[in-house]
């Protein structure tokens, strides 16, 4: 079904001077194009590692005390040996998520099928407690190097332990002196639940629930989390409707 609801909601955000901040695992240059098309000024890139302001004029690193020794975060992680350890330990189960793993400044992106709890325990046991690997959801692309019996393919980010979407949202509020009550987040995955403590309200679009049957039970633990009646862009527009009081779906 075709609808202009999301586009109308974006226009409404501009008319009401609402600062929409894109939050994504993509790199800051990819998000620059998205922001330019949509008319947004600020975004959070590489799964919370970078806060980007004024169409890229200012970039703030969100990596805690992770040491880079003059390198980019991506280069420092590569030089540490952590990616090589994971690829060796999970041969046939993990590979770089080409081409999206290229041209990164912070996170290393893999795809495959691994137990992230086990992988993080491995990293810690080998002295890599300053990084973590997280599941960023299902993807479709794979190569012949991955085992054929893998049930589904997920994307994984290897990043500094202190980096996350949630810590980036918190840092953004602190840097710009924005009260938590003056913010909302709109998400579409289980990982977006972590944003709830950092914003006044979190809206999960309907497909976040339909694509993850266990997520609805987890939502009950968060009094400021709401699920929209619509999916994807229409769900985004629905959340904006609740925010400004005008219906777009």
C-alpha atoms as a PDB file:
ATOM      1  CA  UNK A   1       0.000   0.000   0.000  1.00  0.00           C
ATOM      2  CA  UNK A   2       1.402   3.355  -1.032  1.00  0.00           C
ATOM      3  CA  UNK A   3       1.140   6.257   1.389  1.00  0.00           C
ATOM      4  CA  UNK A   4       2.599   9.730   1.809  1.00  0.00           C
ATOM      5  CA  UNK A   5       2.158   9.565   5.587  1.00  0.00           C
ATOM      6  CA  UNK A   6       5.859   9.432   6.429  1.00  0.00           C
ATOM      7  CA  UNK A   7       6.715  12.294   4.062  1.00  0.00           C
ATOM      8  CA  UNK A   8       3.912  14.411   5.501  1.00  0.00           C
ATOM      9  CA  UNK A   9       5.133  13.680   9.030  1.00  0.00           C
ATOM     10  CA  UNK A  10       8.673  14.730   8.105  1.00  0.00           C
ATOM     11  CA  UNK A  11       7.326  17.997   6.718  1.00  0.00           C
ATOM     12  CA  UNK A  12       5.380  18.502   9.943  1.00  0.00           C
ATOM     13  CA  UNK A  13       8.570  18.051  11.964  1.00  0.00           C
ATOM     14  CA  UNK A  14      10.193  20.854   9.975  1.00  0.00           C
ATOM     15  CA  UNK A  15       7.167  23.120  10.368  1.00  0.00           C
ATOM     16  CA  UNK A  16       7.110  22.523  14.128  1.00  0.00           C
ATOM     17  CA  UNK A  17      10.911  22.936  14.432  1.00  0.00           C
ATOM     18  CA  UNK A  18      11.393  19.407  15.731  1.00  0.00           C
ATOM     19  CA  UNK A  19      15.014  18.285  15.489  1.00  0.00           C
ATOM     20  CA  UNK A  20      14.950  14.771  14.024  1.00  0.00           C
ATOM     21  CA  UNK A  21      18.236  12.959  14.701  1.00  0.00           C
ATOM     22  CA  UNK A  22      18.916   9.867  12.610  1.00  0.00           C
ATOM     23  CA  UNK A  23      20.416   6.977  14.625  1.00  0.00           C
ATOM     24  CA  UNK A  24      21.963   4.152  12.639  1.00  0.00           C
ATOM     25  CA  UNK A  25      24.763   1.642  12.289  1.00  0.00           C
ATOM     26  CA  UNK A  26      25.680   3.188   8.950  1.00  0.00           C
ATOM     27  CA  UNK A  27      28.724   5.418   8.629  1.00  0.00           C
ATOM     28  CA  UNK A  28      28.467   9.183   8.868  1.00  0.00           C
ATOM     29  CA  UNK A  29      28.988   9.744   5.151  1.00  0.00           C
ATOM     30  CA  UNK A  30      26.109   7.438   4.234  1.00  0.00           C
ATOM     31  CA  UNK A  31      23.854   9.235   6.705  1.00  0.00           C
ATOM     32  CA  UNK A  32      24.911  12.595   5.293  1.00  0.00           C
ATOM     33  CA  UNK A  33      23.100  11.747   2.076  1.00  0.00           C
ATOM     34  CA  UNK A  34      19.974  10.634   3.923  1.00  0.00           C
ATOM     35  CA  UNK A  35      19.968  13.740   6.110  1.00  0.00           C
ATOM     36  CA  UNK A  36      20.456  16.043   3.132  1.00  0.00           C
ATOM     37  CA  UNK A  37      17.489  14.544   1.270  1.00  0.00           C
ATOM     38  CA  UNK A  38      15.245  14.708   4.338  1.00  0.00           C
ATOM     39  CA  UNK A  39      16.396  18.135   5.490  1.00  0.00           C
ATOM     40  CA  UNK A  40      17.844  16.980   8.831  1.00  0.00           C
ATOM     41  CA  UNK A  41      20.957  18.547  10.366  1.00  0.00           C
ATOM     42  CA  UNK A  42      22.203  16.053  12.950  1.00  0.00           C
ATOM     43  CA  UNK A  43      22.707  12.303  13.170  1.00  0.00           C
ATOM     44  CA  UNK A  44      24.271   9.532  15.242  1.00  0.00           C
ATOM     45  CA  UNK A  45      26.401   7.151  13.191  1.00  0.00           C
ATOM     46  CA  UNK A  46      28.120   3.780  13.535  1.00  0.00           C
ATOM     47  CA  UNK A  47      25.761   2.500  16.220  1.00  0.00           C
ATOM     48  CA  UNK A  48      26.405   5.400  18.590  1.00  0.00           C
ATOM     49  CA  UNK A  49      30.145   5.867  18.093  1.00  0.00           C
ATOM     50  CA  UNK A  50      29.817   9.266  16.424  1.00  0.00           C
ATOM     51  CA  UNK A  51      27.577  12.261  17.055  1.00  0.00           C
ATOM     52  CA  UNK A  52      27.435  14.422  13.944  1.00  0.00           C
ATOM     53  CA  UNK A  53      26.137  17.995  13.988  1.00  0.00           C
ATOM     54  CA  UNK A  54      25.361  20.730  11.448  1.00  0.00           C
ATOM     55  CA  UNK A  55      25.529  18.513   8.354  1.00  0.00           C
ATOM     56  CA  UNK A  56      28.908  17.105   9.325  1.00  0.00           C
ATOM     57  CA  UNK A  57      30.625  20.301  10.445  1.00  0.00           C
ATOM     58  CA  UNK A  58      31.198  18.839  13.928  1.00  0.00           C
ATOM     59  CA  UNK A  59      31.842  15.190  14.802  1.00  0.00           C
ATOM     60  CA  UNK A  60      31.983  14.088  18.442  1.00  0.00           C
ATOM     61  CA  UNK A  61      33.393  10.671  19.294  1.00  0.00           C
ATOM     62  CA  UNK A  62      31.434   8.554  21.760  1.00  0.00           C
ATOM     63  CA  UNK A  63      33.833   5.783  22.724  1.00  0.00           C
ATOM     64  CA  UNK A  64      34.459   6.339  26.428  1.00  0.00           C
ATOM     65  CA  UNK A  65      38.106   5.835  27.369  1.00  0.00           C
ATOM     66  CA  UNK A  66      38.848   3.551  24.418  1.00  0.00           C
ATOM     67  CA  UNK A  67      42.442   4.248  23.383  1.00  0.00           C
ATOM     68  CA  UNK A  68      43.140   4.902  19.707  1.00  0.00           C
ATOM     69  CA  UNK A  69      46.794   6.057  19.847  1.00  0.00           C
ATOM     70  CA  UNK A  70      46.250   8.491  16.986  1.00  0.00           C
ATOM     71  CA  UNK A  71      44.330   6.021  14.823  1.00  0.00           C
ATOM     72  CA  UNK A  72      40.646   5.897  14.017  1.00  0.00           C
ATOM     73  CA  UNK A  73      38.599   3.631  16.268  1.00  0.00           C
ATOM     74  CA  UNK A  74      38.252   1.162  13.378  1.00  0.00           C
ATOM     75  CA  UNK A  75      42.013   1.100  12.848  1.00  0.00           C
ATOM     76  CA  UNK A  76      42.685   0.673  16.570  1.00  0.00           C
ATOM     77  CA  UNK A  77      40.264  -2.257  16.816  1.00  0.00           C
ATOM     78  CA  UNK A  78      41.817  -3.855  13.729  1.00  0.00           C
ATOM     79  CA  UNK A  79      45.339  -3.443  15.110  1.00  0.00           C
ATOM     80  CA  UNK A  80      44.329  -4.973  18.445  1.00  0.00           C
ATOM     81  CA  UNK A  81      43.706  -8.376  16.863  1.00  0.00           C
ATOM     82  CA  UNK A  82      40.123  -8.689  18.112  1.00  0.00           C
ATOM     83  CA  UNK A  83      38.575  -9.027  14.619  1.00  0.00           C
ATOM     84  CA  UNK A  84      41.118 -11.679  13.654  1.00  0.00           C
ATOM     85  CA  UNK A  85      40.345 -13.619  16.843  1.00  0.00           C
ATOM     86  CA  UNK A  86      36.627 -13.665  16.071  1.00  0.00           C
ATOM     87  CA  UNK A  87      37.080 -14.649  12.437  1.00  0.00           C
ATOM     88  CA  UNK A  88      39.413 -17.495  13.398  1.00  0.00           C
ATOM     89  CA  UNK A  89      37.247 -18.715  16.276  1.00  0.00           C
ATOM     90  CA  UNK A  90      34.059 -18.622  14.202  1.00  0.00           C
ATOM     91  CA  UNK A  91      35.398 -19.730  10.831  1.00  0.00           C
ATOM     92  CA  UNK A  92      32.479 -20.585   8.584  1.00  0.00           C
ATOM     93  CA  UNK A  93      30.090 -18.807  10.936  1.00  0.00           C
ATOM     94  CA  UNK A  94      31.334 -15.230  10.642  1.00  0.00           C
ATOM     95  CA  UNK A  95      32.691 -13.010   7.873  1.00  0.00           C
ATOM     96  CA  UNK A  96      32.978  -9.315   7.115  1.00  0.00           C
ATOM     97  CA  UNK A  97      29.682  -7.848   5.895  1.00  0.00           C
ATOM     98  CA  UNK A  98      30.944  -6.648   2.522  1.00  0.00           C
ATOM     99  CA  UNK A  99      30.509  -4.094   1.057  1.00  0.00           C
ATOM    100  CA  UNK A 100      29.046  -2.344   4.133  1.00  0.00           C
ATOM    101  CA  UNK A 101      32.060  -3.238   6.270  1.00  0.00           C
ATOM    102  CA  UNK A 102      34.230  -0.969   4.129  1.00  0.00           C
ATOM    103  CA  UNK A 103      34.902   2.751   4.638  1.00  0.00           C
ATOM    104  CA  UNK A 104      34.265   2.640   8.373  1.00  0.00           C
ATOM    105  CA  UNK A 105      35.791   4.863  11.057  1.00  0.00           C
ATOM    106  CA  UNK A 106      34.582   3.025  14.147  1.00  0.00           C
ATOM    107  CA  UNK A 107      32.721  -0.287  14.099  1.00  0.00           C
ATOM    108  CA  UNK A 108      33.706  -3.493  12.340  1.00  0.00           C
ATOM    109  CA  UNK A 109      30.650  -5.089  10.712  1.00  0.00           C
ATOM    110  CA  UNK A 110      30.368  -8.845  10.299  1.00  0.00           C
ATOM    111  CA  UNK A 111      27.613 -11.184   9.188  1.00  0.00           C
ATOM    112  CA  UNK A 112      26.906 -14.777  10.081  1.00  0.00           C
ATOM    113  CA  UNK A 113      25.429 -16.700  12.989  1.00  0.00           C
ATOM    114  CA  UNK A 114      27.127 -16.651  16.411  1.00  0.00           C
ATOM    115  CA  UNK A 115      26.269 -16.513  20.104  1.00  0.00           C
ATOM    116  CA  UNK A 116      27.182 -12.949  21.114  1.00  0.00           C
ATOM    117  CA  UNK A 117      27.299 -13.808  24.823  1.00  0.00           C
ATOM    118  CA  UNK A 118      29.848 -16.524  24.096  1.00  0.00           C
ATOM    119  CA  UNK A 119      31.767 -14.255  21.718  1.00  0.00           C
ATOM    120  CA  UNK A 120      32.006 -11.461  24.289  1.00  0.00           C
ATOM    121  CA  UNK A 121      33.206 -13.927  26.911  1.00  0.00           C
ATOM    122  CA  UNK A 122      35.878 -15.039  24.442  1.00  0.00           C
ATOM    123  CA  UNK A 123      36.945 -11.447  23.823  1.00  0.00           C
ATOM    124  CA  UNK A 124      37.178 -10.733  27.558  1.00  0.00           C
ATOM    125  CA  UNK A 125      39.129 -13.924  28.246  1.00  0.00           C
ATOM    126  CA  UNK A 126      41.658 -12.982  25.564  1.00  0.00           C
ATOM    127  CA  UNK A 127      42.177  -9.481  26.960  1.00  0.00           C
ATOM    128  CA  UNK A 128      39.770  -7.534  24.757  1.00  0.00           C
ATOM    129  CA  UNK A 129      37.463  -6.236  27.475  1.00  0.00           C
ATOM    130  CA  UNK A 130      37.493  -2.757  25.910  1.00  0.00           C
ATOM    131  CA  UNK A 131      35.393  -3.941  22.948  1.00  0.00           C
ATOM    132  CA  UNK A 132      32.123  -5.832  22.506  1.00  0.00           C
ATOM    133  CA  UNK A 133      30.220  -7.483  19.684  1.00  0.00           C
ATOM    134  CA  UNK A 134      26.480  -6.967  19.358  1.00  0.00           C
ATOM    135  CA  UNK A 135      23.736  -8.411  17.164  1.00  0.00           C
ATOM    136  CA  UNK A 136      22.236  -5.773  14.868  1.00  0.00           C
ATOM    137  CA  UNK A 137      19.510  -7.935  13.362  1.00  0.00           C
ATOM    138  CA  UNK A 138      18.868 -10.223  10.428  1.00  0.00           C
ATOM    139  CA  UNK A 139      20.302  -9.536   6.970  1.00  0.00           C
ATOM    140  CA  UNK A 140      19.942 -11.380   3.673  1.00  0.00           C
ATOM    141  CA  UNK A 141      23.365 -11.262   2.051  1.00  0.00           C
ATOM    142  CA  UNK A 142      25.909 -14.042   2.543  1.00  0.00           C
ATOM    143  CA  UNK A 143      28.855 -15.585   0.719  1.00  0.00           C
ATOM    144  CA  UNK A 144      29.870 -19.163  -0.039  1.00  0.00           C
ATOM    145  CA  UNK A 145      32.418 -18.967   2.780  1.00  0.00           C
ATOM    146  CA  UNK A 146      29.651 -19.224   5.383  1.00  0.00           C
ATOM    147  CA  UNK A 147      28.378 -22.668   6.290  1.00  0.00           C
ATOM    148  CA  UNK A 148      25.282 -23.732   4.388  1.00  0.00           C
ATOM    149  CA  UNK A 149      23.545 -25.007   7.541  1.00  0.00           C
ATOM    150  CA  UNK A 150      23.364 -21.590   9.227  1.00  0.00           C
ATOM    151  CA  UNK A 151      19.639 -21.029   9.964  1.00  0.00           C
ATOM    152  CA  UNK A 152      19.707 -17.263   9.359  1.00  0.00           C
ATOM    153  CA  UNK A 153      22.222 -14.511   8.788  1.00  0.00           C
ATOM    154  CA  UNK A 154      22.639 -11.627  11.233  1.00  0.00           C
ATOM    155  CA  UNK A 155      24.773  -8.490  11.148  1.00  0.00           C
ATOM    156  CA  UNK A 156      27.168  -7.955  14.057  1.00  0.00           C
ATOM    157  CA  UNK A 157      29.066  -4.841  15.095  1.00  0.00           C
ATOM    158  CA  UNK A 158      32.388  -4.944  16.951  1.00  0.00           C
ATOM    159  CA  UNK A 159      32.783  -1.611  18.746  1.00  0.00           C
ATOM    160  CA  UNK A 160      34.168   0.012  21.907  1.00  0.00           C
ATOM    161  CA  UNK A 161      32.539  -1.295  25.076  1.00  0.00           C
ATOM    162  CA  UNK A 162      31.333   2.191  26.038  1.00  0.00           C
ATOM    163  CA  UNK A 163      29.675   2.899  22.689  1.00  0.00           C
ATOM    164  CA  UNK A 164      25.971   2.344  22.051  1.00  0.00           C
ATOM    165  CA  UNK A 165      22.917   4.078  20.649  1.00  0.00           C
ATOM    166  CA  UNK A 166      21.717   4.721  24.202  1.00  0.00           C
ATOM    167  CA  UNK A 167      24.961   6.284  25.444  1.00  0.00           C
ATOM    168  CA  UNK A 168      25.066   8.438  22.303  1.00  0.00           C
ATOM    169  CA  UNK A 169      21.536   9.724  22.878  1.00  0.00           C
ATOM    170  CA  UNK A 170      22.440  10.498  26.489  1.00  0.00           C
ATOM    171  CA  UNK A 171      25.623  12.301  25.425  1.00  0.00           C
ATOM    172  CA  UNK A 172      23.713  14.296  22.814  1.00  0.00           C
ATOM    173  CA  UNK A 173      21.202  15.445  25.437  1.00  0.00           C
ATOM    174  CA  UNK A 174      24.023  16.429  27.767  1.00  0.00           C
ATOM    175  CA  UNK A 175      25.988  18.324  25.110  1.00  0.00           C
ATOM    176  CA  UNK A 176      22.939  20.294  23.995  1.00  0.00           C
ATOM    177  CA  UNK A 177      21.274  20.573  27.426  1.00  0.00           C
ATOM    178  CA  UNK A 178      18.081  18.890  26.235  1.00  0.00           C
ATOM    179  CA  UNK A 179      15.818  17.540  29.019  1.00  0.00           C
ATOM    180  CA  UNK A 180      14.938  13.882  28.692  1.00  0.00           C
ATOM    181  CA  UNK A 181      11.255  14.792  28.871  1.00  0.00           C
ATOM    182  CA  UNK A 182      11.656  16.829  25.667  1.00  0.00           C
ATOM    183  CA  UNK A 183      12.769  13.840  23.599  1.00  0.00           C
ATOM    184  CA  UNK A 184      11.232  10.755  22.030  1.00  0.00           C
ATOM    185  CA  UNK A 185      12.734   7.900  20.039  1.00  0.00           C
ATOM    186  CA  UNK A 186      11.179   5.795  17.292  1.00  0.00           C
ATOM    187  CA  UNK A 187      12.629   2.341  16.702  1.00  0.00           C
ATOM    188  CA  UNK A 188      12.016  -0.899  14.862  1.00  0.00           C
ATOM    189  CA  UNK A 189      14.080  -3.530  16.679  1.00  0.00           C
ATOM    190  CA  UNK A 190      14.658  -5.177  20.046  1.00  0.00           C
ATOM    191  CA  UNK A 191      17.962  -3.350  20.446  1.00  0.00           C
ATOM    192  CA  UNK A 192      16.114  -0.028  20.360  1.00  0.00           C
ATOM    193  CA  UNK A 193      14.561  -0.839  23.751  1.00  0.00           C
ATOM    194  CA  UNK A 194      17.843   0.305  25.285  1.00  0.00           C
ATOM    195  CA  UNK A 195      16.897   3.853  24.255  1.00  0.00           C
ATOM    196  CA  UNK A 196      13.873   3.899  26.575  1.00  0.00           C
ATOM    197  CA  UNK A 197      15.712   5.058  29.743  1.00  0.00           C
ATOM    198  CA  UNK A 198      17.315   7.917  27.804  1.00  0.00           C
ATOM    199  CA  UNK A 199      14.174   9.519  26.337  1.00  0.00           C
ATOM    200  CA  UNK A 200      10.772  10.690  27.480  1.00  0.00           C
ATOM    201  CA  UNK A 201       9.018   8.075  25.353  1.00  0.00           C
ATOM    202  CA  UNK A 202       9.995   5.333  22.940  1.00  0.00           C
ATOM    203  CA  UNK A 203       7.711   4.280  20.101  1.00  0.00           C
ATOM    204  CA  UNK A 204       8.312   0.880  18.525  1.00  0.00           C
ATOM    205  CA  UNK A 205       6.687   0.524  15.123  1.00  0.00           C
ATOM    206  CA  UNK A 206       4.401  -2.482  14.756  1.00  0.00           C
ATOM    207  CA  UNK A 207       6.786  -4.587  12.660  1.00  0.00           C
ATOM    208  CA  UNK A 208       9.280  -4.579  15.541  1.00  0.00           C
ATOM    209  CA  UNK A 209       6.783  -6.767  17.398  1.00  0.00           C
ATOM    210  CA  UNK A 210       5.566  -8.880  14.488  1.00  0.00           C
ATOM    211  CA  UNK A 211       9.144  -9.722  13.510  1.00  0.00           C
ATOM    212  CA  UNK A 212      10.174 -10.594  17.085  1.00  0.00           C
ATOM    213  CA  UNK A 213       7.492 -12.447  19.038  1.00  0.00           C
ATOM    214  CA  UNK A 214       9.369 -12.190  22.334  1.00  0.00           C
ATOM    215  CA  UNK A 215       9.677  -8.425  22.217  1.00  0.00           C
ATOM    216  CA  UNK A 216       6.121  -7.679  23.345  1.00  0.00           C
ATOM    217  CA  UNK A 217       6.760  -9.278  26.745  1.00  0.00           C
ATOM    218  CA  UNK A 218       9.921  -7.196  27.189  1.00  0.00           C
ATOM    219  CA  UNK A 219       8.040  -3.983  26.402  1.00  0.00           C
ATOM    220  CA  UNK A 220       5.946  -4.446  29.534  1.00  0.00           C
ATOM    221  CA  UNK A 221       9.011  -3.686  31.660  1.00  0.00           C
ATOM    222  CA  UNK A 222       9.196  -0.144  30.264  1.00  0.00           C
ATOM    223  CA  UNK A 223       6.384   2.268  31.243  1.00  0.00           C
ATOM    224  CA  UNK A 224       7.412   4.796  28.581  1.00  0.00           C
ATOM    225  CA  UNK A 225       7.429   2.385  25.615  1.00  0.00           C
ATOM    226  CA  UNK A 226       4.509   2.301  23.176  1.00  0.00           C
ATOM    227  CA  UNK A 227       3.798   0.170  20.108  1.00  0.00           C
ATOM    228  CA  UNK A 228       2.234   1.797  17.053  1.00  0.00           C
ATOM    229  CA  UNK A 229      -0.722   0.326  15.183  1.00  0.00           C
ATOM    230  CA  UNK A 230       1.107   0.685  11.877  1.00  0.00           C
ATOM    231  CA  UNK A 231       4.404  -0.685  10.579  1.00  0.00           C
ATOM    232  CA  UNK A 232       7.535   0.933   9.191  1.00  0.00           C
ATOM    233  CA  UNK A 233       7.071   4.450   7.741  1.00  0.00           C
ATOM    234  CA  UNK A 234       3.381   4.571   8.594  1.00  0.00           C
ATOM    235  CA  UNK A 235       4.259   3.673  12.179  1.00  0.00           C
ATOM    236  CA  UNK A 236       6.821   6.475  12.238  1.00  0.00           C
ATOM    237  CA  UNK A 237       4.152   8.899  11.039  1.00  0.00           C
ATOM    238  CA  UNK A 238       1.762   7.611  13.700  1.00  0.00           C
ATOM    239  CA  UNK A 239       4.301   8.392  16.429  1.00  0.00           C
ATOM    240  CA  UNK A 240       4.741  11.916  15.081  1.00  0.00           C
ATOM    241  CA  UNK A 241       0.951  12.284  15.180  1.00  0.00           C
ATOM    242  CA  UNK A 242       0.961  11.553  18.918  1.00  0.00           C
ATOM    243  CA  UNK A 243       3.790  14.024  19.372  1.00  0.00           C
ATOM    244  CA  UNK A 244       2.237  17.028  17.639  1.00  0.00           C
ATOM    245  CA  UNK A 245      -1.452  16.147  17.566  1.00  0.00           C
ATOM    246  CA  UNK A 246      -2.027  15.867  13.833  1.00  0.00           C
ATOM    247  CA  UNK A 247      -2.917  12.631  12.084  1.00  0.00           C
ATOM    248  CA  UNK A 248      -0.834  11.447   9.109  1.00  0.00           C
ATOM    249  CA  UNK A 249      -2.065   7.839   8.723  1.00  0.00           C
END
